[in-house]
Protein backbone atom coordinates (compact mmCIF):
# COMPACT_ATOMS: atom_id res chain seq x y z
CA MET A 1 163.42 100.52 125.96
CA ILE A 2 160.71 99.40 123.74
CA ARG A 3 162.27 98.86 120.54
CA ALA A 4 160.23 98.55 117.31
CA THR A 5 161.05 97.86 113.67
CA TYR A 6 159.20 98.86 110.56
CA ILE A 7 159.69 98.73 106.93
CA VAL A 8 158.86 102.52 105.35
CA GLU A 9 158.47 103.72 101.69
CA THR A 10 158.75 107.21 101.36
CA PRO A 11 160.06 110.16 98.99
CA CYS A 12 161.13 112.01 101.72
CA PRO A 13 164.40 111.84 103.17
CA ILE A 14 164.22 109.22 105.45
CA ASP A 15 166.10 111.05 108.77
CA ASP A 16 163.80 113.27 108.52
CA VAL A 17 160.66 111.30 107.97
CA ALA A 18 162.47 108.72 110.82
CA ALA A 19 162.47 111.79 113.44
CA MET A 20 159.01 112.81 112.75
CA MET A 21 157.74 108.54 113.25
CA ALA A 22 159.67 108.86 116.79
CA GLY A 23 158.14 112.23 117.77
CA GLU A 24 154.28 111.75 116.71
CA GLN A 25 154.62 108.61 118.50
CA SER A 26 155.79 109.81 121.68
CA ALA A 27 156.48 113.66 123.46
CA GLY A 28 156.24 115.69 119.65
CA THR A 29 153.97 116.52 116.90
CA PHE A 30 154.07 117.96 113.97
CA VAL A 31 155.53 121.29 115.51
CA ARG A 32 156.92 122.53 118.32
CA VAL A 33 154.39 123.67 121.06
CA GLU A 34 154.01 125.17 124.74
CA GLY A 35 155.67 123.36 127.68
CA GLU A 36 157.58 121.03 124.75
CA THR A 37 161.05 121.56 127.03
CA GLU A 38 164.25 119.54 126.50
CA ALA A 39 164.27 117.89 129.66
CA LEU A 40 160.66 116.70 128.57
CA ARG A 41 161.98 115.36 124.99
CA ALA A 42 164.97 113.74 126.73
CA ARG A 43 162.72 111.71 129.38
CA PHE A 44 160.11 110.99 127.23
CA GLY A 45 160.74 111.50 123.73
CA ALA A 46 161.65 108.37 121.43
CA THR A 47 164.78 107.72 119.79
CA VAL A 48 165.74 106.38 116.53
CA VAL A 49 167.95 103.91 116.61
CA SER A 50 168.67 103.35 112.85
CA THR A 51 167.63 103.86 109.07
CA LEU A 52 168.75 101.80 106.62
CA GLU A 53 167.38 101.90 102.29
CA ILE A 54 166.80 98.14 101.63
CA GLY A 55 165.02 99.36 98.24
CA ARG A 56 163.64 101.48 95.92
CA ALA A 57 159.90 101.91 94.26
CA GLU A 58 159.09 104.01 91.42
CA THR A 59 155.44 104.64 92.13
CA PRO A 60 154.39 104.82 95.46
CA THR A 61 152.31 101.43 96.89
CA LEU A 62 149.84 103.69 98.63
CA ARG A 63 148.33 107.03 97.53
CA SER A 64 148.68 109.95 100.15
CA ALA A 65 146.97 112.96 99.53
CA TRP A 66 149.96 114.92 101.39
CA ALA A 67 152.37 113.67 98.97
CA GLU A 68 150.32 114.26 96.15
CA ARG A 69 149.80 118.20 96.91
CA LYS A 70 153.50 118.34 97.52
CA GLY A 71 153.69 117.07 94.12
CA LEU A 72 156.33 113.94 95.67
CA THR A 73 155.01 111.14 92.99
CA GLY A 74 158.55 109.73 91.67
CA PRO A 75 160.79 107.32 92.82
CA ARG A 76 160.71 106.88 96.39
CA GLY A 77 163.08 104.48 99.11
CA ILE A 78 162.12 101.72 101.17
CA TYR A 79 163.84 102.00 104.68
CA ARG A 80 163.72 99.96 107.36
CA VAL A 81 163.25 101.96 110.53
CA VAL A 82 164.29 101.19 114.76
CA ILE A 83 162.99 103.39 117.31
CA ASP A 84 163.44 103.05 120.52
CA TYR A 85 160.29 104.13 122.77
CA PRO A 86 160.50 104.80 126.54
CA GLU A 87 158.80 102.47 128.80
CA ASP A 88 157.58 105.08 131.11
CA ASN A 89 155.22 106.24 128.33
CA VAL A 90 153.62 103.31 128.25
CA GLY A 91 153.76 101.81 131.74
CA VAL A 92 152.01 98.44 131.67
CA ASN A 93 148.84 98.90 129.38
CA LEU A 94 148.53 96.70 125.94
CA PRO A 95 146.43 98.78 124.05
CA THR A 96 148.59 101.66 125.20
CA LEU A 97 151.63 100.04 123.94
CA ALA A 98 150.23 98.91 120.53
CA SER A 99 148.91 102.60 120.23
CA VAL A 100 152.57 104.04 120.54
CA VAL A 101 154.56 101.83 118.44
CA ALA A 102 151.97 101.47 115.58
CA GLY A 103 148.71 104.13 115.98
CA ASN A 104 148.90 106.92 113.67
CA LEU A 105 151.80 105.96 111.59
CA TYR A 106 150.09 104.02 109.37
CA ASP A 107 148.45 107.52 108.61
CA LEU A 108 150.91 109.73 107.87
CA GLY A 109 151.23 111.79 104.56
CA GLU A 110 155.10 111.00 104.59
CA VAL A 111 154.71 107.45 104.10
CA THR A 112 153.33 105.71 101.35
CA GLY A 113 154.15 102.07 102.72
CA LEU A 114 154.65 101.40 106.68
CA LYS A 115 154.92 97.69 108.05
CA LEU A 116 155.22 97.16 111.76
CA MET A 117 157.34 93.95 111.50
CA ASP A 118 158.87 93.61 115.35
CA VAL A 119 158.24 94.41 119.08
CA GLU A 120 161.02 93.68 121.17
CA LEU A 121 161.02 94.10 125.33
CA THR A 122 163.35 94.01 127.66
CA PRO A 123 162.86 91.06 129.96
CA ALA A 124 161.93 93.27 133.38
CA TYR A 125 159.33 95.23 131.25
CA ARG A 126 158.37 91.74 129.49
CA ALA A 127 157.79 90.58 133.26
CA ARG A 128 155.08 92.90 134.24
CA TYR A 129 152.51 91.60 131.74
CA ASP A 130 150.92 88.15 131.67
CA HIS A 131 152.12 84.48 131.02
CA PRO A 132 150.77 81.58 130.07
CA SER A 133 148.15 79.87 132.08
CA MET A 134 149.42 76.71 130.32
CA GLY A 135 152.00 77.29 127.51
CA ILE A 136 153.83 74.14 126.23
CA ALA A 137 154.58 72.57 129.29
CA GLY A 138 150.91 72.70 130.78
CA THR A 139 149.16 71.80 128.13
CA ARG A 140 151.45 68.41 127.23
CA ALA A 141 151.19 67.31 131.12
CA SER A 142 147.20 68.35 130.53
CA THR A 143 146.89 66.06 127.57
CA SER A 144 149.55 63.23 128.92
CA VAL A 145 151.69 63.89 125.65
CA VAL A 146 155.54 63.61 125.45
CA GLY A 147 158.07 62.89 123.08
CA ARG A 148 156.43 63.96 119.39
CA PRO A 149 153.65 66.77 118.63
CA LEU A 150 150.04 66.95 119.66
CA PHE A 151 147.67 65.55 116.93
CA GLY A 152 144.17 66.72 116.74
CA THR A 153 141.29 67.92 114.60
CA ILE A 154 138.41 70.43 113.97
CA ILE A 155 134.78 69.52 114.55
CA LYS A 156 133.51 69.11 110.98
CA PRO A 157 130.78 69.78 110.03
CA ASN A 158 131.75 73.10 111.15
CA ILE A 159 128.40 74.48 111.56
CA GLY A 160 125.14 72.76 111.51
CA LEU A 161 125.36 69.90 114.17
CA SER A 162 123.62 69.83 117.14
CA PRO A 163 124.96 69.80 120.49
CA ALA A 164 124.52 65.92 121.25
CA GLU A 165 125.65 65.54 117.61
CA ILE A 166 128.84 67.17 118.50
CA ALA A 167 129.31 65.41 121.29
CA ALA A 168 128.88 62.44 119.45
CA LEU A 169 131.36 63.08 117.11
CA VAL A 170 133.92 64.15 120.15
CA GLY A 171 133.21 60.47 121.64
CA ARG A 172 134.64 59.12 118.45
CA LEU A 173 137.41 61.07 118.06
CA CYS A 174 138.46 60.69 122.00
CA ALA A 175 138.04 56.99 120.84
CA ALA A 176 140.23 57.34 117.80
CA GLY A 177 143.24 58.89 120.09
CA ALA A 178 142.93 62.44 119.12
CA ASP A 179 145.09 64.56 121.72
CA PHE A 180 142.90 67.80 120.87
CA ILE A 181 139.61 68.90 119.43
CA LYS A 182 138.85 72.26 118.20
CA ASP A 183 135.40 74.12 117.07
CA ASP A 184 135.94 75.73 113.89
CA GLU A 185 136.81 79.98 114.26
CA ILE A 186 132.86 80.58 112.79
CA ALA A 187 131.44 78.50 115.61
CA GLY A 188 129.89 80.72 117.80
CA THR A 189 126.54 80.84 120.67
CA HIS A 190 124.44 80.01 117.43
CA PRO A 191 120.52 79.05 117.92
CA HIS A 192 120.77 75.40 117.00
CA ALA A 193 123.80 74.76 119.02
CA PRO A 194 124.48 78.01 122.20
CA VAL A 195 128.15 77.29 123.63
CA PRO A 196 126.65 76.48 127.39
CA GLU A 197 125.01 72.93 126.11
CA ARG A 198 128.20 72.65 123.54
CA ILE A 199 130.22 72.69 126.47
CA ARG A 200 127.86 70.16 128.47
CA ALA A 201 127.34 67.44 126.22
CA VAL A 202 130.55 67.73 125.22
CA MET A 203 132.37 67.53 128.36
CA GLU A 204 130.33 64.68 129.96
CA VAL A 205 131.51 62.57 127.08
CA VAL A 206 135.54 63.90 127.45
CA ARG A 207 134.95 63.19 130.91
CA ARG A 208 133.83 59.48 130.48
CA HIS A 209 136.53 58.96 128.02
CA ARG A 210 139.10 60.04 130.75
CA ASP A 211 137.48 57.90 132.65
CA LYS A 212 137.58 54.69 130.98
CA THR A 213 141.43 55.38 129.82
CA GLY A 214 142.76 57.89 131.94
CA LYS A 215 143.22 60.63 129.11
CA LEU A 216 142.08 64.25 129.15
CA VAL A 217 141.00 64.93 125.52
CA MET A 218 141.78 68.65 125.55
CA VAL A 219 138.39 70.57 123.56
CA ALA A 220 138.91 74.36 122.74
CA PHE A 221 136.09 75.58 122.46
CA ASN A 222 135.12 78.88 120.52
CA ILE A 223 134.12 81.22 123.01
CA THR A 224 134.73 84.51 121.46
CA ASP A 225 132.11 86.76 122.37
CA GLU A 226 131.54 90.04 124.24
CA THR A 227 133.74 89.97 127.43
CA ASP A 228 131.58 89.27 130.08
CA ALA A 229 130.25 86.65 127.96
CA MET A 230 133.54 85.08 127.36
CA ARG A 231 133.96 84.67 131.03
CA ARG A 232 130.81 83.38 131.94
CA HIS A 233 131.54 80.58 129.26
CA ALA A 234 135.17 80.44 130.98
CA ASP A 235 133.49 79.71 134.65
CA LEU A 236 130.97 76.99 133.05
CA LEU A 237 133.67 74.96 131.37
CA ALA A 238 136.05 75.18 134.04
CA ARG A 239 132.98 73.81 136.72
CA GLU A 240 132.79 71.24 133.48
CA GLU A 241 136.31 70.21 133.61
CA GLY A 242 137.47 71.27 130.71
CA SER A 243 141.09 73.03 129.57
CA CYS A 244 140.77 74.84 126.89
CA ALA A 245 139.02 78.11 125.47
CA MET A 246 139.53 79.45 121.76
CA VAL A 247 139.29 83.19 121.27
CA SER A 248 139.31 84.66 117.72
CA LEU A 249 142.01 87.04 118.90
CA ASN A 250 141.26 90.09 116.32
CA TRP A 251 137.64 90.07 116.87
CA VAL A 252 137.99 90.65 120.64
CA GLY A 253 140.90 92.35 121.04
CA MET A 254 144.11 92.76 123.14
CA SER A 255 142.02 93.77 126.33
CA ALA A 256 139.59 91.32 126.04
CA VAL A 257 142.26 88.31 126.05
CA GLN A 258 144.07 89.86 128.62
CA THR A 259 140.66 90.12 130.56
CA LEU A 260 140.15 86.54 129.86
CA ARG A 261 143.71 85.22 130.89
CA ARG A 262 143.32 87.24 134.29
CA HIS A 263 139.72 85.63 134.98
CA THR A 264 140.37 81.86 133.88
CA GLY A 265 143.11 79.25 134.38
CA LEU A 266 142.08 77.44 131.14
CA ALA A 267 144.16 77.41 128.11
CA ILE A 268 143.52 80.32 126.20
CA HIS A 269 143.87 79.23 122.00
CA GLY A 270 144.40 82.11 119.73
CA HIS A 271 143.00 82.12 116.67
CA ARG A 272 144.32 84.81 114.43
CA ASN A 273 141.52 84.50 111.58
CA GLY A 274 141.98 87.78 110.09
CA TYR A 275 145.62 88.60 110.27
CA GLY A 276 145.93 87.99 106.39
CA GLY A 277 144.04 91.82 106.09
CA MET A 278 147.50 92.83 108.42
CA GLY A 279 150.34 90.37 107.31
CA ARG A 280 149.90 89.64 103.61
CA HIS A 281 150.95 92.90 102.37
CA PRO A 282 154.65 93.47 102.30
CA LEU A 283 154.42 97.21 102.85
CA LEU A 284 151.58 97.77 105.05
CA GLY A 285 149.89 96.19 108.64
CA MET A 286 151.90 94.62 111.27
CA GLY A 287 154.80 91.68 110.85
CA VAL A 288 153.87 88.30 112.57
CA ARG A 289 156.89 88.73 114.96
CA ALA A 290 155.14 92.30 116.11
CA TYR A 291 151.36 90.44 116.20
CA GLN A 292 152.73 87.73 118.00
CA THR A 293 154.61 89.45 120.81
CA LEU A 294 151.46 91.74 121.71
CA TYR A 295 148.89 88.52 121.62
CA ARG A 296 151.67 86.70 123.88
CA LEU A 297 151.93 89.87 126.18
CA ALA A 298 148.03 89.49 126.65
CA GLY A 299 148.68 86.09 128.13
CA ILE A 300 147.96 83.35 125.52
CA ASP A 301 149.04 79.77 125.23
CA HIS A 302 148.50 78.48 122.03
CA MET A 303 148.96 80.67 118.71
CA HIS A 304 147.87 79.89 114.82
CA VAL A 305 150.62 79.70 112.68
CA HIS A 306 148.61 78.21 109.62
CA GLY A 307 150.66 75.52 107.62
CA MET A 308 153.14 74.19 104.94
CA GLY A 309 151.98 72.99 102.12
CA GLY A 310 148.23 73.71 102.96
CA LYS A 311 145.41 76.01 101.65
CA PHE A 312 146.32 79.36 102.60
CA SER A 313 148.76 81.94 101.14
CA ASP A 314 151.95 81.43 103.28
CA LEU A 315 154.79 80.64 102.51
CA ASP A 316 157.17 78.06 104.23
CA GLU A 317 159.28 81.20 105.67
CA GLU A 318 156.50 83.16 107.00
CA VAL A 319 154.97 80.26 108.74
CA THR A 320 158.52 79.08 110.13
CA GLU A 321 158.94 82.38 111.20
CA ALA A 322 155.67 82.52 113.25
CA ALA A 323 156.65 79.27 114.70
CA ARG A 324 159.86 79.77 115.97
CA HIS A 325 158.71 83.07 117.28
CA CYS A 326 156.45 81.13 119.63
CA LEU A 327 159.32 78.93 120.65
CA THR A 328 161.57 81.70 121.66
CA PRO A 329 160.79 83.36 125.21
CA LEU A 330 160.01 87.23 125.15
CA GLY A 331 161.91 87.40 128.53
CA ALA A 332 163.45 85.40 131.63
CA GLY A 333 161.70 82.40 131.97
CA ASP A 334 159.44 80.04 129.82
CA ASP A 335 156.40 82.38 128.66
CA ARG A 336 156.88 80.07 125.21
CA VAL A 337 153.68 78.98 123.25
CA MET A 338 152.56 76.32 121.66
CA PRO A 339 152.28 77.05 117.77
CA ILE A 340 149.14 75.15 115.97
CA PHE A 341 149.46 74.47 112.63
CA SER A 342 146.22 74.12 110.55
CA SER A 343 145.05 75.09 107.08
CA GLY A 344 145.45 71.52 104.46
CA GLN A 345 147.40 69.54 107.04
CA TRP A 346 147.53 65.60 106.38
CA ALA A 347 150.46 62.80 107.23
CA GLY A 348 152.20 63.93 103.98
CA THR A 349 153.10 67.86 105.22
CA LEU A 350 154.55 66.88 108.73
CA PRO A 351 157.60 65.70 108.18
CA HIS A 352 158.83 68.77 106.18
CA THR A 353 157.10 70.69 109.03
CA LEU A 354 159.22 68.87 111.54
CA ALA A 355 162.04 69.65 109.48
CA ARG A 356 161.42 73.36 108.98
CA ILE A 357 160.83 73.70 112.78
CA ALA A 358 163.39 71.20 114.22
CA SER A 359 160.75 70.69 117.30
CA ASP A 360 158.58 68.59 118.59
CA ASP A 361 156.81 71.12 120.71
CA LEU A 362 153.52 72.03 117.87
CA MET A 363 150.34 70.88 117.70
CA PHE A 364 149.33 69.63 114.40
CA LEU A 365 146.10 69.72 113.11
CA CYS A 366 144.51 67.91 110.81
CA GLY A 367 140.76 68.96 109.67
CA GLY A 368 139.79 66.73 106.04
CA GLY A 369 143.31 65.07 106.92
CA ILE A 370 141.56 62.92 109.81
CA MET A 371 137.79 63.58 109.05
CA ALA A 372 138.00 62.32 105.34
CA HIS A 373 140.37 59.95 105.53
CA PRO A 374 138.92 57.20 103.24
CA GLY A 375 139.59 54.60 106.69
CA GLY A 376 137.76 57.04 109.08
CA PRO A 377 139.22 59.61 111.69
CA ALA A 378 140.53 56.51 113.20
CA ALA A 379 142.62 55.94 110.60
CA GLY A 380 143.24 59.49 110.05
CA LEU A 381 145.28 59.90 113.32
CA GLN A 382 146.79 56.89 113.13
CA SER A 383 148.67 57.88 109.41
CA LEU A 384 149.32 61.06 111.35
CA ARG A 385 151.41 58.70 113.98
CA GLN A 386 152.57 56.68 111.38
CA ALA A 387 153.88 59.51 109.57
CA HIS A 388 155.68 60.90 112.57
CA GLU A 389 157.51 57.42 113.72
CA ALA A 390 158.63 57.28 109.89
CA VAL A 391 160.31 60.52 110.64
CA ILE A 392 161.95 59.42 114.01
CA SER A 393 163.40 56.38 112.29
CA GLY A 394 164.42 57.92 108.79
CA GLU A 395 162.25 56.93 106.72
CA THR A 396 160.67 58.36 103.63
CA LEU A 397 156.76 58.08 104.16
CA GLU A 398 156.49 55.88 101.01
CA THR A 399 159.04 53.58 102.54
CA ALA A 400 156.69 53.00 105.41
CA ALA A 401 153.83 53.08 103.76
CA ARG A 402 154.06 49.49 102.26
CA ALA A 403 153.81 48.23 105.93
CA GLN A 404 151.27 50.82 106.97
CA PRO A 405 147.73 50.45 105.14
CA GLU A 406 146.58 54.02 107.20
CA LEU A 407 149.47 55.90 105.55
CA ALA A 408 149.04 54.21 102.32
CA ALA A 409 145.71 55.43 102.05
CA ALA A 410 146.53 58.84 102.94
CA LEU A 411 149.27 59.10 100.84
CA ALA A 412 146.48 58.09 97.60
CA THR A 413 143.82 60.20 99.26
CA PHE A 414 145.55 63.75 99.88
CA GLY A 415 149.16 63.28 97.96
CA ALA A 416 146.70 63.23 94.87
CA ALA A 417 144.65 65.82 95.83
CA GLY A 418 147.71 68.09 96.50
């Protein structure tokens, strides 16, 4: 069975609403139809596992014309609803799976708030979908990083640099000791810096650094585009000995990510920009566990989870839940993906992140925290390494900074700004 968990607000009896949700998303509709036999319902009908009241609301969170016509404008309950759907209703079809567990439920007149919180699968069913190409172990092997987080940054300015200028910046960051460098999510095939030219110019610098030092820096090129273009970009990147392609998940969609996964062995760096439109409201959209499960089934290797104490709206608890979900297998075997921390991160936010996640299996990206360090990018990266060493040794950053000028400068610059 495919188990989905929802938060539902409704003025109607919850048992009736849950049964209607199960029927709407499986073998039934709002009335019984010809051919809807008991045998068919037994085989293909969804099952309500549980309903639990978790709150009350005096007024509707969302308007419903149906509820208003019925005069249902008063207090309503908020419930956790769990429904099991037969695997045979989906087969192996990721867009259909998403349609089953979400689909028209958001539009039902009986609900004035609905959020899909989680999707759980049996190990055998999960095994029928795509797995990461590199995942955590492969990403570490490719970058030769063990025993600590991967440290990296984002190309800044994110738009406006020519391919030659981007390549020169990447060369500086490689020499500074970056493990990982990525395009910004709004970087695309710009007239002033088309993706193919960026790939060729940057990878020449990356290969030269590898040949000199033995370290292959992982660069995530943003190849977000229509599907055929992404495949062409991935092919060029592979020919240029690149290792990672970045995709804006929400704007290319699950099927395009699946197609890309099956086309290339490159690591797919999943950027979730736009997820706030699905996840920020407590009674609308999709929770991070459900969201990440669906895209993990598409075979991504990395997933952005935002950051703690950064510039975005996420609570620490939300970031922690997202990261720990990435680090938890969905089925048998190691199908974990590497959580990517970014958004206003710097050396000072690293200790709290490591304490909350209780793992080094993460990528810690700092844009301004590296690029705007007063000592330059090399000093910014050094401040991250020094912060990690302080955590390992049990020192506070302030104590460690007494003998570490790069960390001291980071604390003075970004600590004051925070």
